[in-house]
Amino acid sequence: MRQAKVIGRVFCSRQCCGMEQKTLLLIQPLDWETDKPSGEPLVAGDTVGSGAGETVFFVASREAIVAFEGWEGETAVGTPLPPVDAAIVGIIDGKSIPGHGLN
């Protein structure tokens, strides 16, 4: 899991492959120790109802698909998996890193 800050929202007039009614947010990955930006912003599906400015944690790659309720893998009739590369799975209220105190 990685840490990020929600910096925006992505609006789509059309979505495919089971992505209808999913909220897509623009997130900026952050370094766990410094809370400074780490890498390029990316689009993530929101599974927890996070909002602008919140610090969240997310998963990427295939694990992101599993974060959406009701997903049970590719069906027997060949329904494609939703095209999700990142999913927000939690809102960070605080954290403690040994040697760095409480953030």
PDB file of N, CA and C in Angstrom:
ATOM      1  N   MET A   1       0.841  -1.173   0.000  1.00  0.00           N
ATOM      2  CA  MET A   1       0.000   0.000   0.000  1.00  0.00           C
ATOM      3  C   MET A   1       0.881   1.228   0.000  1.00  0.00           C
ATOM      4  N   ARG A   2       0.350   2.271  -0.634  1.00  0.00           N
ATOM      5  CA  ARG A   2       1.086   3.525  -0.720  1.00  0.00           C
ATOM      6  C   ARG A   2       0.215   4.666  -0.207  1.00  0.00           C
ATOM      7  N   GLN A   3       0.848   5.751   0.171  1.00  0.00           N
ATOM      8  CA  GLN A   3       0.168   6.941   0.681  1.00  0.00           C
ATOM      9  C   GLN A   3       0.019   7.965  -0.441  1.00  0.00           C
ATOM     10  N   ALA A   4      -1.083   8.719  -0.421  1.00  0.00           N
ATOM     11  CA  ALA A   4      -1.300   9.756  -1.424  1.00  0.00           C
ATOM     12  C   ALA A   4      -2.226  10.826  -0.859  1.00  0.00           C
ATOM     13  N   LYS A   5      -2.271  11.965  -1.546  1.00  0.00           N
ATOM     14  CA  LYS A   5      -3.203  13.025  -1.218  1.00  0.00           C
ATOM     15  C   LYS A   5      -4.156  13.184  -2.391  1.00  0.00           C
ATOM     16  N   VAL A   6      -5.439  13.313  -2.095  1.00  0.00           N
ATOM     17  CA  VAL A   6      -6.434  13.536  -3.145  1.00  0.00           C
ATOM     18  C   VAL A   6      -6.302  14.981  -3.608  1.00  0.00           C
ATOM     19  N   ILE A   7      -6.017  15.151  -4.908  1.00  0.00           N
ATOM     20  CA  ILE A   7      -5.802  16.502  -5.433  1.00  0.00           C
ATOM     21  C   ILE A   7      -6.854  16.916  -6.461  1.00  0.00           C
ATOM     22  N   GLY A   8      -7.761  16.027  -6.800  1.00  0.00           N
ATOM     23  CA  GLY A   8      -8.784  16.390  -7.766  1.00  0.00           C
ATOM     24  C   GLY A   8      -9.713  15.234  -8.055  1.00  0.00           C
ATOM     25  N   ARG A   9     -10.647  15.499  -8.952  1.00  0.00           N
ATOM     26  CA  ARG A   9     -11.619  14.478  -9.349  1.00  0.00           C
ATOM     27  C   ARG A   9     -11.642  14.406 -10.861  1.00  0.00           C
ATOM     28  N   VAL A  10     -11.867  13.220 -11.383  1.00  0.00           N
ATOM     29  CA  VAL A  10     -11.936  13.004 -12.823  1.00  0.00           C
ATOM     30  C   VAL A  10     -13.391  12.746 -13.184  1.00  0.00           C
ATOM     31  N   PHE A  11     -13.900  13.516 -14.146  1.00  0.00           N
ATOM     32  CA  PHE A  11     -15.279  13.361 -14.602  1.00  0.00           C
ATOM     33  C   PHE A  11     -15.269  12.765 -15.998  1.00  0.00           C
ATOM     34  N   CYS A  12     -16.114  11.787 -16.230  1.00  0.00           N
ATOM     35  CA  CYS A  12     -16.194  11.124 -17.528  1.00  0.00           C
ATOM     36  C   CYS A  12     -17.645  11.126 -18.010  1.00  0.00           C
ATOM     37  N   SER A  13     -17.842  11.454 -19.285  1.00  0.00           N
ATOM     38  CA  SER A  13     -19.203  11.406 -19.825  1.00  0.00           C
ATOM     39  C   SER A  13     -19.603   9.970 -20.130  1.00  0.00           C
ATOM     40  N   ARG A  14     -18.627   9.108 -20.366  1.00  0.00           N
ATOM     41  CA  ARG A  14     -18.883   7.685 -20.598  1.00  0.00           C
ATOM     42  C   ARG A  14     -17.790   6.869 -19.930  1.00  0.00           C
ATOM     43  N   GLN A  15     -18.183   5.727 -19.384  1.00  0.00           N
ATOM     44  CA  GLN A  15     -17.222   4.803 -18.793  1.00  0.00           C
ATOM     45  C   GLN A  15     -17.571   3.402 -19.267  1.00  0.00           C
ATOM     46  N   CYS A  16     -16.567   2.558 -19.349  1.00  0.00           N
ATOM     47  CA  CYS A  16     -16.808   1.197 -19.845  1.00  0.00           C
ATOM     48  C   CYS A  16     -16.585   0.148 -18.762  1.00  0.00           C
ATOM     49  N   CYS A  17     -16.906  -1.063 -19.121  1.00  0.00           N
ATOM     50  CA  CYS A  17     -16.478  -2.270 -18.395  1.00  0.00           C
ATOM     51  C   CYS A  17     -16.757  -2.270 -16.900  1.00  0.00           C
ATOM     52  N   GLY A  18     -17.965  -1.945 -16.488  1.00  0.00           N
ATOM     53  CA  GLY A  18     -18.291  -2.007 -15.072  1.00  0.00           C
ATOM     54  C   GLY A  18     -17.808  -0.825 -14.258  1.00  0.00           C
ATOM     55  N   MET A  19     -17.359   0.237 -14.905  1.00  0.00           N
ATOM     56  CA  MET A  19     -16.865   1.406 -14.188  1.00  0.00           C
ATOM     57  C   MET A  19     -17.957   2.445 -13.942  1.00  0.00           C
ATOM     58  N   GLU A  20     -19.173   2.194 -14.448  1.00  0.00           N
ATOM     59  CA  GLU A  20     -20.257   3.124 -14.230  1.00  0.00           C
ATOM     60  C   GLU A  20     -20.480   3.335 -12.737  1.00  0.00           C
ATOM     61  N   GLN A  21     -20.765   4.540 -12.360  1.00  0.00           N
ATOM     62  CA  GLN A  21     -21.043   4.917 -10.981  1.00  0.00           C
ATOM     63  C   GLN A  21     -19.864   4.733 -10.039  1.00  0.00           C
ATOM     64  N   LYS A  22     -18.662   4.621 -10.551  1.00  0.00           N
ATOM     65  CA  LYS A  22     -17.466   4.584  -9.716  1.00  0.00           C
ATOM     66  C   LYS A  22     -16.874   5.993  -9.691  1.00  0.00           C
ATOM     67  N   THR A  23     -16.465   6.471  -8.536  1.00  0.00           N
ATOM     68  CA  THR A  23     -15.838   7.779  -8.424  1.00  0.00           C
ATOM     69  C   THR A  23     -14.356   7.632  -8.737  1.00  0.00           C
ATOM     70  N   LEU A  24     -13.876   8.473  -9.640  1.00  0.00           N
ATOM     71  CA  LEU A  24     -12.465   8.467 -10.008  1.00  0.00           C
ATOM     72  C   LEU A  24     -11.815   9.741  -9.474  1.00  0.00           C
ATOM     73  N   LEU A  25     -10.750   9.576  -8.708  1.00  0.00           N
ATOM     74  CA  LEU A  25     -10.064  10.715  -8.107  1.00  0.00           C
ATOM     75  C   LEU A  25      -8.635  10.807  -8.615  1.00  0.00           C
ATOM     76  N   LEU A  26      -8.133  12.030  -8.691  1.00  0.00           N
ATOM     77  CA  LEU A  26      -6.740  12.270  -9.047  1.00  0.00           C
ATOM     78  C   LEU A  26      -5.963  12.335  -7.739  1.00  0.00           C
ATOM     79  N   ILE A  27      -4.953  11.482  -7.610  1.00  0.00           N
ATOM     80  CA  ILE A  27      -4.173  11.433  -6.370  1.00  0.00           C
ATOM     81  C   ILE A  27      -2.692  11.668  -6.652  1.00  0.00           C
ATOM     82  N   GLN A  28      -2.028  12.272  -5.679  1.00  0.00           N
ATOM     83  CA  GLN A  28      -0.589  12.504  -5.747  1.00  0.00           C
ATOM     84  C   GLN A  28       0.085  11.583  -4.738  1.00  0.00           C
ATOM     85  N   PRO A  29       0.829  10.560  -5.210  1.00  0.00           N
ATOM     86  CA  PRO A  29       1.541   9.694  -4.267  1.00  0.00           C
ATOM     87  C   PRO A  29       2.507  10.509  -3.395  1.00  0.00           C
ATOM     88  N   LEU A  30       2.634  10.102  -2.128  1.00  0.00           N
ATOM     89  CA  LEU A  30       3.496  10.784  -1.168  1.00  0.00           C
ATOM     90  C   LEU A  30       4.489   9.811  -0.554  1.00  0.00           C
ATOM     91  N   ASP A  31       5.652  10.332  -0.176  1.00  0.00           N
ATOM     92  CA  ASP A  31       6.639   9.562   0.568  1.00  0.00           C
ATOM     93  C   ASP A  31       6.110   9.375   1.989  1.00  0.00           C
ATOM     94  N   TRP A  32       6.196   8.148   2.525  1.00  0.00           N
ATOM     95  CA  TRP A  32       5.657   7.872   3.860  1.00  0.00           C
ATOM     96  C   TRP A  32       6.331   8.685   4.949  1.00  0.00           C
ATOM     97  N   GLU A  33       7.643   8.892   4.867  1.00  0.00           N
ATOM     98  CA  GLU A  33       8.365   9.563   5.939  1.00  0.00           C
ATOM     99  C   GLU A  33       8.309  11.080   5.859  1.00  0.00           C
ATOM    100  N   THR A  34       8.349  11.638   4.656  1.00  0.00           N
ATOM    101  CA  THR A  34       8.419  13.101   4.517  1.00  0.00           C
ATOM    102  C   THR A  34       7.103  13.744   4.111  1.00  0.00           C
ATOM    103  N   ASP A  35       6.143  12.957   3.658  1.00  0.00           N
ATOM    104  CA  ASP A  35       4.867  13.447   3.140  1.00  0.00           C
ATOM    105  C   ASP A  35       5.047  14.352   1.926  1.00  0.00           C
ATOM    106  N   LYS A  36       6.190  14.252   1.248  1.00  0.00           N
ATOM    107  CA  LYS A  36       6.436  15.031   0.027  1.00  0.00           C
ATOM    108  C   LYS A  36       6.024  14.198  -1.187  1.00  0.00           C
ATOM    109  N   PRO A  37       5.635  14.888  -2.289  1.00  0.00           N
ATOM    110  CA  PRO A  37       5.249  14.162  -3.499  1.00  0.00           C
ATOM    111  C   PRO A  37       6.318  13.167  -3.941  1.00  0.00           C
ATOM    112  N   SER A  38       5.849  12.006  -4.387  1.00  0.00           N
ATOM    113  CA  SER A  38       6.739  10.944  -4.834  1.00  0.00           C
ATOM    114  C   SER A  38       6.170  10.345  -6.113  1.00  0.00           C
ATOM    115  N   GLY A  39       6.628  10.832  -7.244  1.00  0.00           N
ATOM    116  CA  GLY A  39       6.123  10.340  -8.510  1.00  0.00           C
ATOM    117  C   GLY A  39       5.040  11.226  -9.094  1.00  0.00           C
ATOM    118  N   GLU A  40       4.498  10.771 -10.200  1.00  0.00           N
ATOM    119  CA  GLU A  40       3.478  11.518 -10.935  1.00  0.00           C
ATOM    120  C   GLU A  40       2.084  11.253 -10.363  1.00  0.00           C
ATOM    121  N   PRO A  41       1.176  12.244 -10.461  1.00  0.00           N
ATOM    122  CA  PRO A  41      -0.213  12.012 -10.064  1.00  0.00           C
ATOM    123  C   PRO A  41      -0.837  10.906 -10.912  1.00  0.00           C
ATOM    124  N   LEU A  42      -1.853  10.231 -10.357  1.00  0.00           N
ATOM    125  CA  LEU A  42      -2.533   9.184 -11.104  1.00  0.00           C
ATOM    126  C   LEU A  42      -4.005   9.147 -10.742  1.00  0.00           C
ATOM    127  N   VAL A  43      -4.777   8.470 -11.572  1.00  0.00           N
ATOM    128  CA  VAL A  43      -6.212   8.326 -11.347  1.00  0.00           C
ATOM    129  C   VAL A  43      -6.447   7.033 -10.572  1.00  0.00           C
ATOM    130  N   ALA A  44      -7.288   7.113  -9.535  1.00  0.00           N
ATOM    131  CA  ALA A  44      -7.610   5.938  -8.727  1.00  0.00           C
ATOM    132  C   ALA A  44      -9.113   5.859  -8.507  1.00  0.00           C
ATOM    133  N   GLY A  45      -9.637   4.652  -8.502  1.00  0.00           N
ATOM    134  CA  GLY A  45     -11.035   4.439  -8.149  1.00  0.00           C
ATOM    135  C   GLY A  45     -11.179   4.552  -6.644  1.00  0.00           C
ATOM    136  N   ASP A  46     -12.213   5.240  -6.197  1.00  0.00           N
ATOM    137  CA  ASP A  46     -12.419   5.456  -4.760  1.00  0.00           C
ATOM    138  C   ASP A  46     -13.385   4.414  -4.215  1.00  0.00           C
ATOM    139  N   THR A  47     -12.975   3.664  -3.206  1.00  0.00           N
ATOM    140  CA  THR A  47     -13.839   2.642  -2.600  1.00  0.00           C
ATOM    141  C   THR A  47     -14.316   3.035  -1.204  1.00  0.00           C
ATOM    142  N   VAL A  48     -13.847   4.186  -0.676  1.00  0.00           N
ATOM    143  CA  VAL A  48     -14.146   4.543   0.709  1.00  0.00           C
ATOM    144  C   VAL A  48     -14.818   5.899   0.889  1.00  0.00           C
ATOM    145  N   GLY A  49     -15.093   6.608  -0.175  1.00  0.00           N
ATOM    146  CA  GLY A  49     -15.752   7.906  -0.063  1.00  0.00           C
ATOM    147  C   GLY A  49     -14.827   9.031   0.362  1.00  0.00           C
ATOM    148  N   SER A  50     -13.579   8.988  -0.063  1.00  0.00           N
ATOM    149  CA  SER A  50     -12.638  10.044   0.297  1.00  0.00           C
ATOM    150  C   SER A  50     -12.915  11.305  -0.507  1.00  0.00           C
ATOM    151  N   GLY A  51     -12.358  12.427  -0.032  1.00  0.00           N
ATOM    152  CA  GLY A  51     -12.619  13.698  -0.681  1.00  0.00           C
ATOM    153  C   GLY A  51     -11.367  14.526  -0.882  1.00  0.00           C
ATOM    154  N   ALA A  52     -11.545  15.672  -1.488  1.00  0.00           N
ATOM    155  CA  ALA A  52     -10.443  16.574  -1.828  1.00  0.00           C
ATOM    156  C   ALA A  52      -9.619  16.930  -0.593  1.00  0.00           C
ATOM    157  N   GLY A  53      -8.308  16.860  -0.754  1.00  0.00           N
ATOM    158  CA  GLY A  53      -7.389  17.235   0.305  1.00  0.00           C
ATOM    159  C   GLY A  53      -7.103  16.163   1.338  1.00  0.00           C
ATOM    160  N   GLU A  54      -7.836  15.060   1.312  1.00  0.00           N
ATOM    161  CA  GLU A  54      -7.606  14.011   2.307  1.00  0.00           C
ATOM    162  C   GLU A  54      -6.377  13.185   1.952  1.00  0.00           C
ATOM    163  N   THR A  55      -5.714  12.694   2.994  1.00  0.00           N
ATOM    164  CA  THR A  55      -4.601  11.784   2.816  1.00  0.00           C
ATOM    165  C   THR A  55      -5.165  10.373   2.870  1.00  0.00           C
ATOM    166  N   VAL A  56      -4.800   9.563   1.878  1.00  0.00           N
ATOM    167  CA  VAL A  56      -5.372   8.231   1.733  1.00  0.00           C
ATOM    168  C   VAL A  56      -4.260   7.207   1.518  1.00  0.00           C
ATOM    169  N   PHE A  57      -4.627   5.932   1.591  1.00  0.00           N
ATOM    170  CA  PHE A  57      -3.697   4.915   1.110  1.00  0.00           C
ATOM    171  C   PHE A  57      -4.374   4.148   0.001  1.00  0.00           C
ATOM    172  N   PHE A  58      -3.544   3.673  -0.938  1.00  0.00           N
ATOM    173  CA  PHE A  58      -4.089   3.019  -2.118  1.00  0.00           C
ATOM    174  C   PHE A  58      -3.262   1.809  -2.494  1.00  0.00           C
ATOM    175  N   VAL A  59      -3.890   0.946  -3.281  1.00  0.00           N
ATOM    176  CA  VAL A  59      -3.205  -0.214  -3.834  1.00  0.00           C
ATOM    177  C   VAL A  59      -3.180  -0.041  -5.345  1.00  0.00           C
ATOM    178  N   ALA A  60      -2.211  -0.676  -5.966  1.00  0.00           N
ATOM    179  CA  ALA A  60      -2.072  -0.554  -7.414  1.00  0.00           C
ATOM    180  C   ALA A  60      -1.975  -1.934  -8.051  1.00  0.00           C
ATOM    181  N   SER A  61      -2.025  -1.952  -9.346  1.00  0.00           N
ATOM    182  CA  SER A  61      -1.937  -3.174 -10.148  1.00  0.00           C
ATOM    183  C   SER A  61      -3.202  -4.012  -9.985  1.00  0.00           C
ATOM    184  N   ARG A  62      -3.066  -5.312 -10.094  1.00  0.00           N
ATOM    185  CA  ARG A  62      -4.223  -6.217 -10.045  1.00  0.00           C
ATOM    186  C   ARG A  62      -4.986  -6.128  -8.722  1.00  0.00           C
ATOM    187  N   GLU A  63      -4.290  -5.829  -7.637  1.00  0.00           N
ATOM    188  CA  GLU A  63      -4.945  -5.726  -6.332  1.00  0.00           C
ATOM    189  C   GLU A  63      -6.006  -4.633  -6.328  1.00  0.00           C
ATOM    190  N   ALA A  64      -5.880  -3.643  -7.183  1.00  0.00           N
ATOM    191  CA  ALA A  64      -6.848  -2.553  -7.229  1.00  0.00           C
ATOM    192  C   ALA A  64      -8.229  -3.048  -7.636  1.00  0.00           C
ATOM    193  N   ILE A  65      -8.306  -4.022  -8.517  1.00  0.00           N
ATOM    194  CA  ILE A  65      -9.588  -4.559  -8.968  1.00  0.00           C
ATOM    195  C   ILE A  65     -10.320  -5.225  -7.810  1.00  0.00           C
ATOM    196  N   VAL A  66      -9.592  -5.944  -6.982  1.00  0.00           N
ATOM    197  CA  VAL A  66     -10.179  -6.688  -5.870  1.00  0.00           C
ATOM    198  C   VAL A  66     -10.785  -5.742  -4.837  1.00  0.00           C
ATOM    199  N   ALA A  67     -10.335  -4.491  -4.788  1.00  0.00           N
ATOM    200  CA  ALA A  67     -10.824  -3.531  -3.798  1.00  0.00           C
ATOM    201  C   ALA A  67     -12.284  -3.151  -4.012  1.00  0.00           C
ATOM    202  N   PHE A  68     -12.805  -3.357  -5.200  1.00  0.00           N
ATOM    203  CA  PHE A  68     -14.194  -3.004  -5.476  1.00  0.00           C
ATOM    204  C   PHE A  68     -15.115  -4.150  -5.072  1.00  0.00           C
ATOM    205  N   GLU A  69     -16.120  -3.841  -4.234  1.00  0.00           N
ATOM    206  CA  GLU A  69     -17.066  -4.860  -3.775  1.00  0.00           C
ATOM    207  C   GLU A  69     -17.786  -5.478  -4.960  1.00  0.00           C
ATOM    208  N   GLY A  70     -18.046  -6.750  -4.862  1.00  0.00           N
ATOM    209  CA  GLY A  70     -18.798  -7.433  -5.898  1.00  0.00           C
ATOM    210  C   GLY A  70     -17.944  -7.994  -7.013  1.00  0.00           C
ATOM    211  N   TRP A  71     -16.653  -7.682  -7.033  1.00  0.00           N
ATOM    212  CA  TRP A  71     -15.790  -8.246  -8.071  1.00  0.00           C
ATOM    213  C   TRP A  71     -15.438  -9.659  -7.676  1.00  0.00           C
ATOM    214  N   GLU A  72     -15.622 -10.591  -8.594  1.00  0.00           N
ATOM    215  CA  GLU A  72     -15.301 -11.984  -8.286  1.00  0.00           C
ATOM    216  C   GLU A  72     -14.511 -12.629  -9.407  1.00  0.00           C
ATOM    217  N   GLY A  73     -13.736 -11.833 -10.112  1.00  0.00           N
ATOM    218  CA  GLY A  73     -12.930 -12.380 -11.196  1.00  0.00           C
ATOM    219  C   GLY A  73     -13.684 -12.430 -12.499  1.00  0.00           C
ATOM    220  N   GLU A  74     -13.009 -12.838 -13.528  1.00  0.00           N
ATOM    221  CA  GLU A  74     -13.627 -12.933 -14.845  1.00  0.00           C
ATOM    222  C   GLU A  74     -14.700 -14.009 -14.825  1.00  0.00           C
ATOM    223  N   THR A  75     -15.845 -13.698 -15.395  1.00  0.00           N
ATOM    224  CA  THR A  75     -16.961 -14.638 -15.374  1.00  0.00           C
ATOM    225  C   THR A  75     -16.810 -15.681 -16.469  1.00  0.00           C
ATOM    226  N   ALA A  76     -17.635 -16.700 -16.383  1.00  0.00           N
ATOM    227  CA  ALA A  76     -17.593 -17.785 -17.359  1.00  0.00           C
ATOM    228  C   ALA A  76     -17.961 -17.314 -18.765  1.00  0.00           C
ATOM    229  N   VAL A  77     -18.762 -16.250 -18.850  1.00  0.00           N
ATOM    230  CA  VAL A  77     -19.163 -15.754 -20.165  1.00  0.00           C
ATOM    231  C   VAL A  77     -18.149 -14.770 -20.737  1.00  0.00           C
ATOM    232  N   GLY A  78     -17.036 -14.583 -20.079  1.00  0.00           N
ATOM    233  CA  GLY A  78     -15.961 -13.753 -20.600  1.00  0.00           C
ATOM    234  C   GLY A  78     -16.099 -12.266 -20.342  1.00  0.00           C
ATOM    235  N   THR A  79     -16.884 -11.871 -19.329  1.00  0.00           N
ATOM    236  CA  THR A  79     -16.987 -10.452 -18.995  1.00  0.00           C
ATOM    237  C   THR A  79     -15.612  -9.947 -18.585  1.00  0.00           C
ATOM    238  N   PRO A  80     -15.151  -8.863 -19.206  1.00  0.00           N
ATOM    239  CA  PRO A  80     -13.802  -8.387 -18.883  1.00  0.00           C
ATOM    240  C   PRO A  80     -13.713  -7.804 -17.478  1.00  0.00           C
ATOM    241  N   LEU A  81     -12.528  -7.872 -16.912  1.00  0.00           N
ATOM    242  CA  LEU A  81     -12.275  -7.248 -15.621  1.00  0.00           C
ATOM    243  C   LEU A  81     -12.268  -5.740 -15.810  1.00  0.00           C
ATOM    244  N   PRO A  82     -12.709  -4.969 -14.808  1.00  0.00           N
ATOM    245  CA  PRO A  82     -12.703  -3.515 -14.968  1.00  0.00           C
ATOM    246  C   PRO A  82     -11.267  -3.008 -15.108  1.00  0.00           C
ATOM    247  N   PRO A  83     -11.050  -1.991 -15.927  1.00  0.00           N
ATOM    248  CA  PRO A  83      -9.704  -1.481 -16.169  1.00  0.00           C
ATOM    249  C   PRO A  83      -9.248  -0.519 -15.069  1.00  0.00           C
ATOM    250  N   VAL A  84      -8.916  -1.059 -13.906  1.00  0.00           N
ATOM    251  CA  VAL A  84      -8.506  -0.247 -12.765  1.00  0.00           C
ATOM    252  C   VAL A  84      -7.051  -0.526 -12.436  1.00  0.00           C
ATOM    253  N   ASP A  85      -6.233   0.540 -12.422  1.00  0.00           N
ATOM    254  CA  ASP A  85      -4.812   0.399 -12.078  1.00  0.00           C
ATOM    255  C   ASP A  85      -4.525   0.780 -10.637  1.00  0.00           C
ATOM    256  N   ALA A  86      -5.420   1.560 -10.021  1.00  0.00           N
ATOM    257  CA  ALA A  86      -5.214   1.993  -8.640  1.00  0.00           C
ATOM    258  C   ALA A  86      -6.567   2.159  -7.962  1.00  0.00           C
ATOM    259  N   ALA A  87      -6.626   1.830  -6.667  1.00  0.00           N
ATOM    260  CA  ALA A  87      -7.853   1.972  -5.892  1.00  0.00           C
ATOM    261  C   ALA A  87      -7.528   2.507  -4.508  1.00  0.00           C
ATOM    262  N   ILE A  88      -8.283   3.511  -4.093  1.00  0.00           N
ATOM    263  CA  ILE A  88      -8.140   4.059  -2.745  1.00  0.00           C
ATOM    264  C   ILE A  88      -8.874   3.111  -1.797  1.00  0.00           C
ATOM    265  N   VAL A  89      -8.165   2.637  -0.756  1.00  0.00           N
ATOM    266  CA  VAL A  89      -8.750   1.657   0.152  1.00  0.00           C
ATOM    267  C   VAL A  89      -8.808   2.123   1.602  1.00  0.00           C
ATOM    268  N   GLY A  90      -8.380   3.353   1.882  1.00  0.00           N
ATOM    269  CA  GLY A  90      -8.462   3.848   3.250  1.00  0.00           C
ATOM    270  C   GLY A  90      -8.150   5.326   3.333  1.00  0.00           C
ATOM    271  N   ILE A  91      -8.691   5.969   4.367  1.00  0.00           N
ATOM    272  CA  ILE A  91      -8.398   7.375   4.648  1.00  0.00           C
ATOM    273  C   ILE A  91      -7.486   7.397   5.865  1.00  0.00           C
ATOM    274  N   ILE A  92      -6.371   8.086   5.764  1.00  0.00           N
ATOM    275  CA  ILE A  92      -5.386   8.129   6.843  1.00  0.00           C
ATOM    276  C   ILE A  92      -5.744   9.258   7.809  1.00  0.00           C
ATOM    277  N   ASP A  93      -5.983   8.915   9.077  1.00  0.00           N
ATOM    278  CA  ASP A  93      -6.263   9.903  10.112  1.00  0.00           C
ATOM    279  C   ASP A  93      -4.978  10.331  10.812  1.00  0.00           C
ATOM    280  N   GLY A  94      -3.990   9.457  10.848  1.00  0.00           N
ATOM    281  CA  GLY A  94      -2.711   9.728  11.484  1.00  0.00           C
ATOM    282  C   GLY A  94      -1.800   8.543  11.268  1.00  0.00           C
ATOM    283  N   LYS A  95      -0.528   8.710  11.573  1.00  0.00           N
ATOM    284  CA  LYS A  95       0.415   7.601  11.427  1.00  0.00           C
ATOM    285  C   LYS A  95       1.570   7.788  12.387  1.00  0.00           C
ATOM    286  N   SER A  96       2.218   6.692  12.703  1.00  0.00           N
ATOM    287  CA  SER A  96       3.376   6.706  13.576  1.00  0.00           C
ATOM    288  C   SER A  96       4.491   5.939  12.900  1.00  0.00           C
ATOM    289  N   ILE A  97       5.613   6.618  12.692  1.00  0.00           N
ATOM    290  CA  ILE A  97       6.768   5.989  12.068  1.00  0.00           C
ATOM    291  C   ILE A  97       7.886   5.968  13.110  1.00  0.00           C
ATOM    292  N   PRO A  98       8.414   4.785  13.463  1.00  0.00           N
ATOM    293  CA  PRO A  98       9.461   4.709  14.481  1.00  0.00           C
ATOM    294  C   PRO A  98      10.594   5.703  14.189  1.00  0.00           C
ATOM    295  N   GLY A  99      10.956   6.470  15.201  1.00  0.00           N
ATOM    296  CA  GLY A  99      12.033   7.433  15.065  1.00  0.00           C
ATOM    297  C   GLY A  99      11.599   8.780  14.523  1.00  0.00           C
ATOM    298  N   HIS A 100      10.324   8.903  14.124  1.00  0.00           N
ATOM    299  CA  HIS A 100       9.842  10.154  13.532  1.00  0.00           C
ATOM    300  C   HIS A 100       8.670  10.756  14.306  1.00  0.00           C
ATOM    301  N   GLY A 101       8.198  10.088  15.339  1.00  0.00           N
ATOM    302  CA  GLY A 101       7.070  10.606  16.103  1.00  0.00           C
ATOM    303  C   GLY A 101       5.744  10.364  15.408  1.00  0.00           C
ATOM    304  N   LEU A 102       4.726  11.042  15.875  1.00  0.00           N
ATOM    305  CA  LEU A 102       3.378  10.886  15.359  1.00  0.00           C
ATOM    306  C   LEU A 102       3.088  11.970  14.350  1.00  0.00           C
ATOM    307  N   ASN A 103       2.559  11.587  13.184  1.00  0.00           N
ATOM    308  CA  ASN A 103       2.187  12.568  12.148  1.00  0.00           C
ATOM    309  C   ASN A 103       0.686  12.692  12.067  1.00  0.00           C
TER     310      ASN A 103
END
